[in-house]
Amino acid sequence: MKYYKNLSINESDFSVQKQGRCIHLTAIEYQLFLTLLDHSGYICSRNFLLASAWHITMPIQTRTVDVHIAKLREKLDLGPDDLKTVMGRGYTLSMQKSCGTSRSLGESLYSDR
């Protein structure tokens, strides 16, 4: 079991609950959220997220990550300080405790540039 703020993530049955209420996520949304959660505090580039959730390892230009991030924000009711867009770099899920600045992850292999 993993936790993020008021969310409970059960990896054995791929479920997410908010205050005891089950939240339906698609398989891609679930994998995307787990990737962000496992790398909270890091900036994950779009290409890193594509590799993690979609298993696409070649750099491509697509807005599909942006669309799925928007759906995650809505479904999980994540505020602007929880799941941040880092312009020109990617996305970061804030850590539950403040740990200084965000670090970059996936930039060398999966840079969007």
PDB file of N, CA and C in Angstrom:
ATOM      1  N   MET A   1       0.848  -1.173   0.000  1.00  0.00           N
ATOM      2  CA  MET A   1       0.000   0.000   0.000  1.00  0.00           C
ATOM      3  C   MET A   1       0.897   1.240   0.000  1.00  0.00           C
ATOM      4  N   LYS A   2       0.536   2.203  -0.833  1.00  0.00           N
ATOM      5  CA  LYS A   2       1.221   3.489  -0.869  1.00  0.00           C
ATOM      6  C   LYS A   2       0.193   4.566  -0.545  1.00  0.00           C
ATOM      7  N   TYR A   3       0.706   5.699  -0.079  1.00  0.00           N
ATOM      8  CA  TYR A   3      -0.181   6.797   0.297  1.00  0.00           C
ATOM      9  C   TYR A   3       0.355   8.102  -0.263  1.00  0.00           C
ATOM     10  N   TYR A   4      -0.564   8.952  -0.695  1.00  0.00           N
ATOM     11  CA  TYR A   4      -0.214  10.311  -1.086  1.00  0.00           C
ATOM     12  C   TYR A   4      -1.340  11.215  -0.604  1.00  0.00           C
ATOM     13  N   LYS A   5      -1.006  12.040   0.368  1.00  0.00           N
ATOM     14  CA  LYS A   5      -1.982  12.946   0.983  1.00  0.00           C
ATOM     15  C   LYS A   5      -3.193  12.133   1.434  1.00  0.00           C
ATOM     16  N   ASN A   6      -4.391  12.371   0.862  1.00  0.00           N
ATOM     17  CA  ASN A   6      -5.580  11.629   1.282  1.00  0.00           C
ATOM     18  C   ASN A   6      -5.918  10.481   0.337  1.00  0.00           C
ATOM     19  N   LEU A   7      -4.931  10.026  -0.458  1.00  0.00           N
ATOM     20  CA  LEU A   7      -5.123   8.922  -1.402  1.00  0.00           C
ATOM     21  C   LEU A   7      -4.420   7.671  -0.896  1.00  0.00           C
ATOM     22  N   SER A   8      -5.076   6.525  -1.087  1.00  0.00           N
ATOM     23  CA  SER A   8      -4.488   5.223  -0.787  1.00  0.00           C
ATOM     24  C   SER A   8      -4.353   4.466  -2.095  1.00  0.00           C
ATOM     25  N   ILE A   9      -3.155   3.955  -2.375  1.00  0.00           N
ATOM     26  CA  ILE A   9      -2.883   3.259  -3.623  1.00  0.00           C
ATOM     27  C   ILE A   9      -2.547   1.819  -3.285  1.00  0.00           C
ATOM     28  N   ASN A  10      -3.376   0.897  -3.761  1.00  0.00           N
ATOM     29  CA  ASN A  10      -3.180  -0.524  -3.511  1.00  0.00           C
ATOM     30  C   ASN A  10      -2.619  -1.166  -4.768  1.00  0.00           C
ATOM     31  N   GLU A  11      -1.338  -1.520  -4.732  1.00  0.00           N
ATOM     32  CA  GLU A  11      -0.687  -2.074  -5.920  1.00  0.00           C
ATOM     33  C   GLU A  11      -1.098  -3.517  -6.205  1.00  0.00           C
ATOM     34  N   SER A  12      -1.648  -4.211  -5.225  1.00  0.00           N
ATOM     35  CA  SER A  12      -2.042  -5.598  -5.471  1.00  0.00           C
ATOM     36  C   SER A  12      -3.314  -5.700  -6.310  1.00  0.00           C
ATOM     37  N   ASP A  13      -4.216  -4.736  -6.186  1.00  0.00           N
ATOM     38  CA  ASP A  13      -5.427  -4.777  -7.017  1.00  0.00           C
ATOM     39  C   ASP A  13      -5.561  -3.542  -7.918  1.00  0.00           C
ATOM     40  N   PHE A  14      -4.483  -2.753  -8.014  1.00  0.00           N
ATOM     41  CA  PHE A  14      -4.424  -1.588  -8.910  1.00  0.00           C
ATOM     42  C   PHE A  14      -5.538  -0.580  -8.639  1.00  0.00           C
ATOM     43  N   SER A  15      -5.835  -0.364  -7.366  1.00  0.00           N
ATOM     44  CA  SER A  15      -6.924   0.559  -7.026  1.00  0.00           C
ATOM     45  C   SER A  15      -6.385   1.800  -6.315  1.00  0.00           C
ATOM     46  N   VAL A  16      -7.162   2.872  -6.448  1.00  0.00           N
ATOM     47  CA  VAL A  16      -6.867   4.120  -5.754  1.00  0.00           C
ATOM     48  C   VAL A  16      -8.136   4.531  -5.025  1.00  0.00           C
ATOM     49  N   GLN A  17      -7.977   4.885  -3.759  1.00  0.00           N
ATOM     50  CA  GLN A  17      -9.111   5.335  -2.974  1.00  0.00           C
ATOM     51  C   GLN A  17      -8.814   6.691  -2.366  1.00  0.00           C
ATOM     52  N   LYS A  18      -9.863   7.484  -2.295  1.00  0.00           N
ATOM     53  CA  LYS A  18      -9.768   8.787  -1.637  1.00  0.00           C
ATOM     54  C   LYS A  18     -10.775   8.782  -0.502  1.00  0.00           C
ATOM     55  N   GLN A  19     -10.271   8.831   0.714  1.00  0.00           N
ATOM     56  CA  GLN A  19     -11.112   8.813   1.910  1.00  0.00           C
ATOM     57  C   GLN A  19     -12.118   7.662   1.860  1.00  0.00           C
ATOM     58  N   GLY A  20     -11.637   6.474   1.455  1.00  0.00           N
ATOM     59  CA  GLY A  20     -12.462   5.273   1.415  1.00  0.00           C
ATOM     60  C   GLY A  20     -13.299   5.094   0.164  1.00  0.00           C
ATOM     61  N   ARG A  21     -13.314   6.092  -0.721  1.00  0.00           N
ATOM     62  CA  ARG A  21     -14.106   6.021  -1.953  1.00  0.00           C
ATOM     63  C   ARG A  21     -13.191   5.640  -3.111  1.00  0.00           C
ATOM     64  N   CYS A  22     -13.562   4.585  -3.846  1.00  0.00           N
ATOM     65  CA  CYS A  22     -12.751   4.105  -4.964  1.00  0.00           C
ATOM     66  C   CYS A  22     -12.811   5.095  -6.133  1.00  0.00           C
ATOM     67  N   ILE A  23     -11.646   5.385  -6.691  1.00  0.00           N
ATOM     68  CA  ILE A  23     -11.549   6.278  -7.839  1.00  0.00           C
ATOM     69  C   ILE A  23     -11.121   5.443  -9.043  1.00  0.00           C
ATOM     70  N   HIS A  24     -11.924   5.453 -10.095  1.00  0.00           N
ATOM     71  CA  HIS A  24     -11.604   4.662 -11.283  1.00  0.00           C
ATOM     72  C   HIS A  24     -10.539   5.369 -12.123  1.00  0.00           C
ATOM     73  N   LEU A  25      -9.424   4.692 -12.323  1.00  0.00           N
ATOM     74  CA  LEU A  25      -8.376   5.165 -13.223  1.00  0.00           C
ATOM     75  C   LEU A  25      -8.172   4.126 -14.310  1.00  0.00           C
ATOM     76  N   THR A  26      -7.914   4.589 -15.521  1.00  0.00           N
ATOM     77  CA  THR A  26      -7.554   3.652 -16.586  1.00  0.00           C
ATOM     78  C   THR A  26      -6.178   3.075 -16.255  1.00  0.00           C
ATOM     79  N   ALA A  27      -5.783   2.017 -16.955  1.00  0.00           N
ATOM     80  CA  ALA A  27      -4.471   1.401 -16.720  1.00  0.00           C
ATOM     81  C   ALA A  27      -3.348   2.407 -16.963  1.00  0.00           C
ATOM     82  N   ILE A  28      -3.482   3.225 -17.995  1.00  0.00           N
ATOM     83  CA  ILE A  28      -2.461   4.230 -18.303  1.00  0.00           C
ATOM     84  C   ILE A  28      -2.417   5.299 -17.212  1.00  0.00           C
ATOM     85  N   GLU A  29      -3.579   5.780 -16.782  1.00  0.00           N
ATOM     86  CA  GLU A  29      -3.625   6.800 -15.719  1.00  0.00           C
ATOM     87  C   GLU A  29      -3.004   6.260 -14.437  1.00  0.00           C
ATOM     88  N   TYR A  30      -3.311   5.003 -14.115  1.00  0.00           N
ATOM     89  CA  TYR A  30      -2.764   4.380 -12.913  1.00  0.00           C
ATOM     90  C   TYR A  30      -1.242   4.302 -12.998  1.00  0.00           C
ATOM     91  N   GLN A  31      -0.715   3.824 -14.123  1.00  0.00           N
ATOM     92  CA  GLN A  31       0.736   3.704 -14.292  1.00  0.00           C
ATOM     93  C   GLN A  31       1.402   5.083 -14.261  1.00  0.00           C
ATOM     94  N   LEU A  32       0.778   6.048 -14.881  1.00  0.00           N
ATOM     95  CA  LEU A  32       1.302   7.412 -14.883  1.00  0.00           C
ATOM     96  C   LEU A  32       1.366   7.970 -13.455  1.00  0.00           C
ATOM     97  N   PHE A  33       0.300   7.775 -12.686  1.00  0.00           N
ATOM     98  CA  PHE A  33       0.277   8.248 -11.303  1.00  0.00           C
ATOM     99  C   PHE A  33       1.333   7.544 -10.459  1.00  0.00           C
ATOM    100  N   LEU A  34       1.469   6.215 -10.620  1.00  0.00           N
ATOM    101  CA  LEU A  34       2.487   5.480  -9.871  1.00  0.00           C
ATOM    102  C   LEU A  34       3.892   5.969 -10.203  1.00  0.00           C
ATOM    103  N   THR A  35       4.139   6.238 -11.474  1.00  0.00           N
ATOM    104  CA  THR A  35       5.451   6.746 -11.886  1.00  0.00           C
ATOM    105  C   THR A  35       5.731   8.084 -11.222  1.00  0.00           C
ATOM    106  N   LEU A  36       4.767   8.985 -11.267  1.00  0.00           N
ATOM    107  CA  LEU A  36       4.931  10.295 -10.621  1.00  0.00           C
ATOM    108  C   LEU A  36       5.100  10.148  -9.112  1.00  0.00           C
ATOM    109  N   LEU A  37       4.343   9.241  -8.517  1.00  0.00           N
ATOM    110  CA  LEU A  37       4.434   9.014  -7.076  1.00  0.00           C
ATOM    111  C   LEU A  37       5.796   8.445  -6.696  1.00  0.00           C
ATOM    112  N   ASP A  38       6.264   7.463  -7.458  1.00  0.00           N
ATOM    113  CA  ASP A  38       7.559   6.842  -7.177  1.00  0.00           C
ATOM    114  C   ASP A  38       8.720   7.815  -7.368  1.00  0.00           C
ATOM    115  N   HIS A  39       8.488   8.862  -8.154  1.00  0.00           N
ATOM    116  CA  HIS A  39       9.534   9.851  -8.429  1.00  0.00           C
ATOM    117  C   HIS A  39       9.125  11.240  -7.937  1.00  0.00           C
ATOM    118  N   SER A  40       8.309  11.275  -6.888  1.00  0.00           N
ATOM    119  CA  SER A  40       7.852  12.571  -6.385  1.00  0.00           C
ATOM    120  C   SER A  40       9.049  13.422  -5.974  1.00  0.00           C
ATOM    121  N   GLY A  41       8.943  14.688  -6.295  1.00  0.00           N
ATOM    122  CA  GLY A  41      10.038  15.618  -6.038  1.00  0.00           C
ATOM    123  C   GLY A  41      10.985  15.755  -7.215  1.00  0.00           C
ATOM    124  N   TYR A  42      10.889  14.841  -8.169  1.00  0.00           N
ATOM    125  CA  TYR A  42      11.690  14.902  -9.393  1.00  0.00           C
ATOM    126  C   TYR A  42      10.846  15.492 -10.517  1.00  0.00           C
ATOM    127  N   ILE A  43      11.501  16.089 -11.487  1.00  0.00           N
ATOM    128  CA  ILE A  43      10.810  16.524 -12.696  1.00  0.00           C
ATOM    129  C   ILE A  43      10.898  15.377 -13.690  1.00  0.00           C
ATOM    130  N   CYS A  44       9.745  14.863 -14.094  1.00  0.00           N
ATOM    131  CA  CYS A  44       9.673  13.769 -15.062  1.00  0.00           C
ATOM    132  C   CYS A  44       9.300  14.355 -16.418  1.00  0.00           C
ATOM    133  N   SER A  45      10.176  14.193 -17.403  1.00  0.00           N
ATOM    134  CA  SER A  45       9.892  14.723 -18.737  1.00  0.00           C
ATOM    135  C   SER A  45       8.752  13.940 -19.385  1.00  0.00           C
ATOM    136  N   ARG A  46       8.130  14.525 -20.401  1.00  0.00           N
ATOM    137  CA  ARG A  46       7.076  13.834 -21.127  1.00  0.00           C
ATOM    138  C   ARG A  46       7.591  12.514 -21.682  1.00  0.00           C
ATOM    139  N   ASN A  47       8.800  12.529 -22.228  1.00  0.00           N
ATOM    140  CA  ASN A  47       9.345  11.304 -22.821  1.00  0.00           C
ATOM    141  C   ASN A  47       9.631  10.241 -21.758  1.00  0.00           C
ATOM    142  N   PHE A  48      10.052  10.649 -20.570  1.00  0.00           N
ATOM    143  CA  PHE A  48      10.231   9.687 -19.475  1.00  0.00           C
ATOM    144  C   PHE A  48       8.887   9.055 -19.124  1.00  0.00           C
ATOM    145  N   LEU A  49       7.837   9.881 -19.048  1.00  0.00           N
ATOM    146  CA  LEU A  49       6.504   9.374 -18.724  1.00  0.00           C
ATOM    147  C   LEU A  49       5.963   8.489 -19.836  1.00  0.00           C
ATOM    148  N   LEU A  50       6.228   8.842 -21.087  1.00  0.00           N
ATOM    149  CA  LEU A  50       5.827   7.986 -22.215  1.00  0.00           C
ATOM    150  C   LEU A  50       6.494   6.617 -22.114  1.00  0.00           C
ATOM    151  N   ALA A  51       7.765   6.604 -21.761  1.00  0.00           N
ATOM    152  CA  ALA A  51       8.493   5.339 -21.632  1.00  0.00           C
ATOM    153  C   ALA A  51       7.931   4.508 -20.483  1.00  0.00           C
ATOM    154  N   SER A  52       7.583   5.163 -19.401  1.00  0.00           N
ATOM    155  CA  SER A  52       7.088   4.453 -18.227  1.00  0.00           C
ATOM    156  C   SER A  52       5.673   3.907 -18.419  1.00  0.00           C
ATOM    157  N   ALA A  53       4.770   4.738 -18.880  1.00  0.00           N
ATOM    158  CA  ALA A  53       3.358   4.335 -18.974  1.00  0.00           C
ATOM    159  C   ALA A  53       2.993   3.680 -20.301  1.00  0.00           C
ATOM    160  N   TRP A  54       3.626   4.122 -21.388  1.00  0.00           N
ATOM    161  CA  TRP A  54       3.271   3.607 -22.706  1.00  0.00           C
ATOM    162  C   TRP A  54       4.357   2.714 -23.307  1.00  0.00           C
ATOM    163  N   HIS A  55       5.505   2.640 -22.666  1.00  0.00           N
ATOM    164  CA  HIS A  55       6.655   1.858 -23.141  1.00  0.00           C
ATOM    165  C   HIS A  55       7.156   2.335 -24.497  1.00  0.00           C
ATOM    166  N   ILE A  56       7.068   3.646 -24.722  1.00  0.00           N
ATOM    167  CA  ILE A  56       7.603   4.274 -25.932  1.00  0.00           C
ATOM    168  C   ILE A  56       8.959   4.854 -25.558  1.00  0.00           C
ATOM    169  N   THR A  57      10.024   4.370 -26.187  1.00  0.00           N
ATOM    170  CA  THR A  57      11.362   4.803 -25.789  1.00  0.00           C
ATOM    171  C   THR A  57      12.021   5.762 -26.769  1.00  0.00           C
ATOM    172  N   MET A  58      11.402   6.003 -27.897  1.00  0.00           N
ATOM    173  CA  MET A  58      11.975   6.968 -28.839  1.00  0.00           C
ATOM    174  C   MET A  58      11.334   8.329 -28.622  1.00  0.00           C
ATOM    175  N   PRO A  59      12.124   9.395 -28.613  1.00  0.00           N
ATOM    176  CA  PRO A  59      11.560  10.737 -28.401  1.00  0.00           C
ATOM    177  C   PRO A  59      10.554  11.088 -29.495  1.00  0.00           C
ATOM    178  N   ILE A  60       9.341  11.463 -29.085  1.00  0.00           N
ATOM    179  CA  ILE A  60       8.309  11.880 -30.031  1.00  0.00           C
ATOM    180  C   ILE A  60       7.622  13.121 -29.484  1.00  0.00           C
ATOM    181  N   GLN A  61       6.954  13.832 -30.345  1.00  0.00           N
ATOM    182  CA  GLN A  61       6.170  14.997 -29.945  1.00  0.00           C
ATOM    183  C   GLN A  61       4.702  14.581 -29.880  1.00  0.00           C
ATOM    184  N   THR A  62       4.115  14.653 -28.707  1.00  0.00           N
ATOM    185  CA  THR A  62       2.716  14.301 -28.539  1.00  0.00           C
ATOM    186  C   THR A  62       2.149  15.049 -27.338  1.00  0.00           C
ATOM    187  N   ARG A  63       0.863  15.266 -27.364  1.00  0.00           N
ATOM    188  CA  ARG A  63       0.180  15.942 -26.249  1.00  0.00           C
ATOM    189  C   ARG A  63      -0.569  14.933 -25.375  1.00  0.00           C
ATOM    190  N   THR A  64      -0.447  13.640 -25.667  1.00  0.00           N
ATOM    191  CA  THR A  64      -1.201  12.642 -24.920  1.00  0.00           C
ATOM    192  C   THR A  64      -0.861  12.646 -23.434  1.00  0.00           C
ATOM    193  N   VAL A  65       0.401  12.895 -23.086  1.00  0.00           N
ATOM    194  CA  VAL A  65       0.772  12.968 -21.666  1.00  0.00           C
ATOM    195  C   VAL A  65       0.027  14.122 -21.005  1.00  0.00           C
ATOM    196  N   ASP A  66      -0.022  15.257 -21.672  1.00  0.00           N
ATOM    197  CA  ASP A  66      -0.706  16.432 -21.119  1.00  0.00           C
ATOM    198  C   ASP A  66      -2.179  16.136 -20.846  1.00  0.00           C
ATOM    199  N   VAL A  67      -2.818  15.435 -21.772  1.00  0.00           N
ATOM    200  CA  VAL A  67      -4.239  15.099 -21.623  1.00  0.00           C
ATOM    201  C   VAL A  67      -4.436  14.172 -20.426  1.00  0.00           C
ATOM    202  N   HIS A  68      -3.577  13.172 -20.297  1.00  0.00           N
ATOM    203  CA  HIS A  68      -3.698  12.240 -19.177  1.00  0.00           C
ATOM    204  C   HIS A  68      -3.379  12.907 -17.838  1.00  0.00           C
ATOM    205  N   ILE A  69      -2.446  13.818 -17.829  1.00  0.00           N
ATOM    206  CA  ILE A  69      -2.138  14.576 -16.609  1.00  0.00           C
ATOM    207  C   ILE A  69      -3.369  15.386 -16.188  1.00  0.00           C
ATOM    208  N   ALA A  70      -4.024  16.026 -17.148  1.00  0.00           N
ATOM    209  CA  ALA A  70      -5.231  16.805 -16.842  1.00  0.00           C
ATOM    210  C   ALA A  70      -6.315  15.903 -16.250  1.00  0.00           C
ATOM    211  N   LYS A  71      -6.467  14.709 -16.808  1.00  0.00           N
ATOM    212  CA  LYS A  71      -7.468  13.772 -16.281  1.00  0.00           C
ATOM    213  C   LYS A  71      -7.116  13.330 -14.861  1.00  0.00           C
ATOM    214  N   LEU A  72      -5.830  13.077 -14.618  1.00  0.00           N
ATOM    215  CA  LEU A  72      -5.393  12.705 -13.265  1.00  0.00           C
ATOM    216  C   LEU A  72      -5.683  13.812 -12.268  1.00  0.00           C
ATOM    217  N   ARG A  73      -5.372  15.047 -12.646  1.00  0.00           N
ATOM    218  CA  ARG A  73      -5.641  16.174 -11.750  1.00  0.00           C
ATOM    219  C   ARG A  73      -7.115  16.232 -11.378  1.00  0.00           C
ATOM    220  N   GLU A  74      -7.960  16.033 -12.381  1.00  0.00           N
ATOM    221  CA  GLU A  74      -9.404  16.099 -12.151  1.00  0.00           C
ATOM    222  C   GLU A  74      -9.893  14.927 -11.305  1.00  0.00           C
ATOM    223  N   LYS A  75      -9.534  13.706 -11.694  1.00  0.00           N
ATOM    224  CA  LYS A  75     -10.029  12.523 -10.994  1.00  0.00           C
ATOM    225  C   LYS A  75      -9.520  12.425  -9.563  1.00  0.00           C
ATOM    226  N   LEU A  76      -8.265  12.787  -9.342  1.00  0.00           N
ATOM    227  CA  LEU A  76      -7.674  12.661  -8.014  1.00  0.00           C
ATOM    228  C   LEU A  76      -7.783  13.937  -7.206  1.00  0.00           C
ATOM    229  N   ASP A  77      -8.354  14.978  -7.809  1.00  0.00           N
ATOM    230  CA  ASP A  77      -8.536  16.269  -7.155  1.00  0.00           C
ATOM    231  C   ASP A  77      -7.212  16.800  -6.608  1.00  0.00           C
ATOM    232  N   LEU A  78      -6.198  16.761  -7.491  1.00  0.00           N
ATOM    233  CA  LEU A  78      -4.869  17.245  -7.115  1.00  0.00           C
ATOM    234  C   LEU A  78      -4.797  18.738  -7.367  1.00  0.00           C
ATOM    235  N   GLY A  79      -4.379  19.468  -6.371  1.00  0.00           N
ATOM    236  CA  GLY A  79      -4.275  20.912  -6.484  1.00  0.00           C
ATOM    237  C   GLY A  79      -3.050  21.341  -7.274  1.00  0.00           C
ATOM    238  N   PRO A  80      -2.972  22.637  -7.584  1.00  0.00           N
ATOM    239  CA  PRO A  80      -1.856  23.155  -8.377  1.00  0.00           C
ATOM    240  C   PRO A  80      -0.506  22.989  -7.693  1.00  0.00           C
ATOM    241  N   ASP A  81      -0.494  22.849  -6.378  1.00  0.00           N
ATOM    242  CA  ASP A  81       0.772  22.627  -5.677  1.00  0.00           C
ATOM    243  C   ASP A  81       1.126  21.148  -5.570  1.00  0.00           C
ATOM    244  N   ASP A  82       0.200  20.274  -5.940  1.00  0.00           N
ATOM    245  CA  ASP A  82       0.458  18.830  -5.866  1.00  0.00           C
ATOM    246  C   ASP A  82       1.111  18.306  -7.143  1.00  0.00           C
ATOM    247  N   LEU A  83       0.454  18.497  -8.272  1.00  0.00           N
ATOM    248  CA  LEU A  83       0.966  18.010  -9.555  1.00  0.00           C
ATOM    249  C   LEU A  83       1.250  19.227 -10.432  1.00  0.00           C
ATOM    250  N   LYS A  84       2.527  19.559 -10.506  1.00  0.00           N
ATOM    251  CA  LYS A  84       2.935  20.798 -11.164  1.00  0.00           C
ATOM    252  C   LYS A  84       3.450  20.551 -12.575  1.00  0.00           C
ATOM    253  N   THR A  85       3.136  21.495 -13.456  1.00  0.00           N
ATOM    254  CA  THR A  85       3.750  21.539 -14.780  1.00  0.00           C
ATOM    255  C   THR A  85       5.006  22.387 -14.666  1.00  0.00           C
ATOM    256  N   VAL A  86       6.121  21.859 -15.127  1.00  0.00           N
ATOM    257  CA  VAL A  86       7.372  22.609 -15.149  1.00  0.00           C
ATOM    258  C   VAL A  86       7.625  22.935 -16.617  1.00  0.00           C
ATOM    259  N   MET A  87       7.335  24.169 -16.986  1.00  0.00           N
ATOM    260  CA  MET A  87       7.371  24.577 -18.394  1.00  0.00           C
ATOM    261  C   MET A  87       8.667  24.168 -19.092  1.00  0.00           C
ATOM    262  N   GLY A  88       8.504  23.495 -20.229  1.00  0.00           N
ATOM    263  CA  GLY A  88       9.638  23.083 -21.042  1.00  0.00           C
ATOM    264  C   GLY A  88      10.401  21.887 -20.503  1.00  0.00           C
ATOM    265  N   ARG A  89       9.974  21.340 -19.351  1.00  0.00           N
ATOM    266  CA  ARG A  89      10.714  20.226 -18.751  1.00  0.00           C
ATOM    267  C   ARG A  89       9.858  19.011 -18.476  1.00  0.00           C
ATOM    268  N   GLY A  90       8.629  19.193 -17.992  1.00  0.00           N
ATOM    269  CA  GLY A  90       7.786  18.038 -17.685  1.00  0.00           C
ATOM    270  C   GLY A  90       6.856  18.306 -16.518  1.00  0.00           C
ATOM    271  N   TYR A  91       6.711  17.286 -15.670  1.00  0.00           N
ATOM    272  CA  TYR A  91       5.772  17.344 -14.551  1.00  0.00           C
ATOM    273  C   TYR A  91       6.447  16.840 -13.292  1.00  0.00           C
ATOM    274  N   THR A  92       5.972  17.344 -12.159  1.00  0.00           N
ATOM    275  CA  THR A  92       6.469  16.865 -10.875  1.00  0.00           C
ATOM    276  C   THR A  92       5.314  16.740  -9.894  1.00  0.00           C
ATOM    277  N   LEU A  93       5.305  15.640  -9.170  1.00  0.00           N
ATOM    278  CA  LEU A  93       4.356  15.450  -8.077  1.00  0.00           C
ATOM    279  C   LEU A  93       5.078  15.870  -6.816  1.00  0.00           C
ATOM    280  N   SER A  94       4.513  16.827  -6.098  1.00  0.00           N
ATOM    281  CA  SER A  94       5.191  17.343  -4.917  1.00  0.00           C
ATOM    282  C   SER A  94       5.334  16.244  -3.871  1.00  0.00           C
ATOM    283  N   MET A  95       6.400  16.356  -3.130  1.00  0.00           N
ATOM    284  CA  MET A  95       6.610  15.424  -2.036  1.00  0.00           C
ATOM    285  C   MET A  95       5.692  15.824  -0.899  1.00  0.00           C
ATOM    286  N   GLN A  96       5.348  14.894  -0.048  1.00  0.00           N
ATOM    287  CA  GLN A  96       4.435  15.201   1.043  1.00  0.00           C
ATOM    288  C   GLN A  96       5.077  16.118   2.066  1.00  0.00           C
ATOM    289  N   LYS A  97       6.389  16.080   2.164  1.00  0.00           N
ATOM    290  CA  LYS A  97       7.110  16.988   3.039  1.00  0.00           C
ATOM    291  C   LYS A  97       8.039  17.815   2.181  1.00  0.00           C
ATOM    292  N   SER A  98       8.222  19.054   2.518  1.00  0.00           N
ATOM    293  CA  SER A  98       9.091  19.932   1.743  1.00  0.00           C
ATOM    294  C   SER A  98      10.537  19.472   1.855  1.00  0.00           C
ATOM    295  N   CYS A  99      11.176  19.289   0.690  1.00  0.00           N
ATOM    296  CA  CYS A  99      12.556  18.812   0.672  1.00  0.00           C
ATOM    297  C   CYS A  99      13.427  19.693  -0.197  1.00  0.00           C
ATOM    298  N   GLY A 100      13.130  20.948  -0.320  1.00  0.00           N
ATOM    299  CA  GLY A 100      13.968  21.818  -1.139  1.00  0.00           C
ATOM    300  C   GLY A 100      13.514  21.821  -2.585  1.00  0.00           C
ATOM    301  N   THR A 101      14.463  21.922  -3.497  1.00  0.00           N
ATOM    302  CA  THR A 101      14.130  22.085  -4.904  1.00  0.00           C
ATOM    303  C   THR A 101      13.858  20.756  -5.582  1.00  0.00           C
ATOM    304  N   SER A 102      13.125  20.791  -6.679  1.00  0.00           N
ATOM    305  CA  SER A 102      12.872  19.598  -7.477  1.00  0.00           C
ATOM    306  C   SER A 102      14.129  19.199  -8.227  1.00  0.00           C
ATOM    307  N   ARG A 103      14.289  17.908  -8.379  1.00  0.00           N
ATOM    308  CA  ARG A 103      15.427  17.379  -9.119  1.00  0.00           C
ATOM    309  C   ARG A 103      14.938  16.845 -10.450  1.00  0.00           C
ATOM    310  N   SER A 104      15.793  16.791 -11.454  1.00  0.00           N
ATOM    311  CA  SER A 104      15.408  16.312 -12.776  1.00  0.00           C
ATOM    312  C   SER A 104      15.643  14.821 -12.884  1.00  0.00           C
ATOM    313  N   LEU A 105      14.709  14.120 -13.515  1.00  0.00           N
ATOM    314  CA  LEU A 105      14.826  12.699 -13.751  1.00  0.00           C
ATOM    315  C   LEU A 105      14.484  12.425 -15.206  1.00  0.00           C
ATOM    316  N   GLY A 106      15.216  11.556 -15.838  1.00  0.00           N
ATOM    317  CA  GLY A 106      14.898  11.163 -17.197  1.00  0.00           C
ATOM    318  C   GLY A 106      15.357  12.139 -18.238  1.00  0.00           C
ATOM    319  N   GLU A 107      16.068  13.166 -17.871  1.00  0.00           N
ATOM    320  CA  GLU A 107      16.457  14.188 -18.838  1.00  0.00           C
ATOM    321  C   GLU A 107      17.457  13.660 -19.867  1.00  0.00           C
ATOM    322  N   SER A 108      18.414  12.851 -19.462  1.00  0.00           N
ATOM    323  CA  SER A 108      19.445  12.433 -20.413  1.00  0.00           C
ATOM    324  C   SER A 108      18.904  11.427 -21.422  1.00  0.00           C
ATOM    325  N   LEU A 109      18.067  10.501 -20.986  1.00  0.00           N
ATOM    326  CA  LEU A 109      17.535   9.495 -21.893  1.00  0.00           C
ATOM    327  C   LEU A 109      16.250   9.926 -22.570  1.00  0.00           C
ATOM    328  N   TYR A 110      15.449  10.686 -21.856  1.00  0.00           N
ATOM    329  CA  TYR A 110      14.115  10.989 -22.356  1.00  0.00           C
ATOM    330  C   TYR A 110      13.820  12.471 -22.372  1.00  0.00           C
ATOM    331  N   SER A 111      14.796  13.259 -22.684  1.00  0.00           N
ATOM    332  CA  SER A 111      14.601  14.700 -22.744  1.00  0.00           C
ATOM    333  C   SER A 111      13.616  15.056 -23.848  1.00  0.00           C
ATOM    334  N   ASP A 112      12.799  16.057 -23.609  1.00  0.00           N
ATOM    335  CA  ASP A 112      11.834  16.507 -24.608  1.00  0.00           C
ATOM    336  C   ASP A 112      12.464  17.434 -25.626  1.00  0.00           C
ATOM    337  N   ARG A 113      13.710  17.749 -25.464  1.00  0.00           N
ATOM    338  CA  ARG A 113      14.364  18.691 -26.382  1.00  0.00           C
ATOM    339  C   ARG A 113      15.106  17.970 -27.445  1.00  0.00           C
TER     340      ARG A 113
END
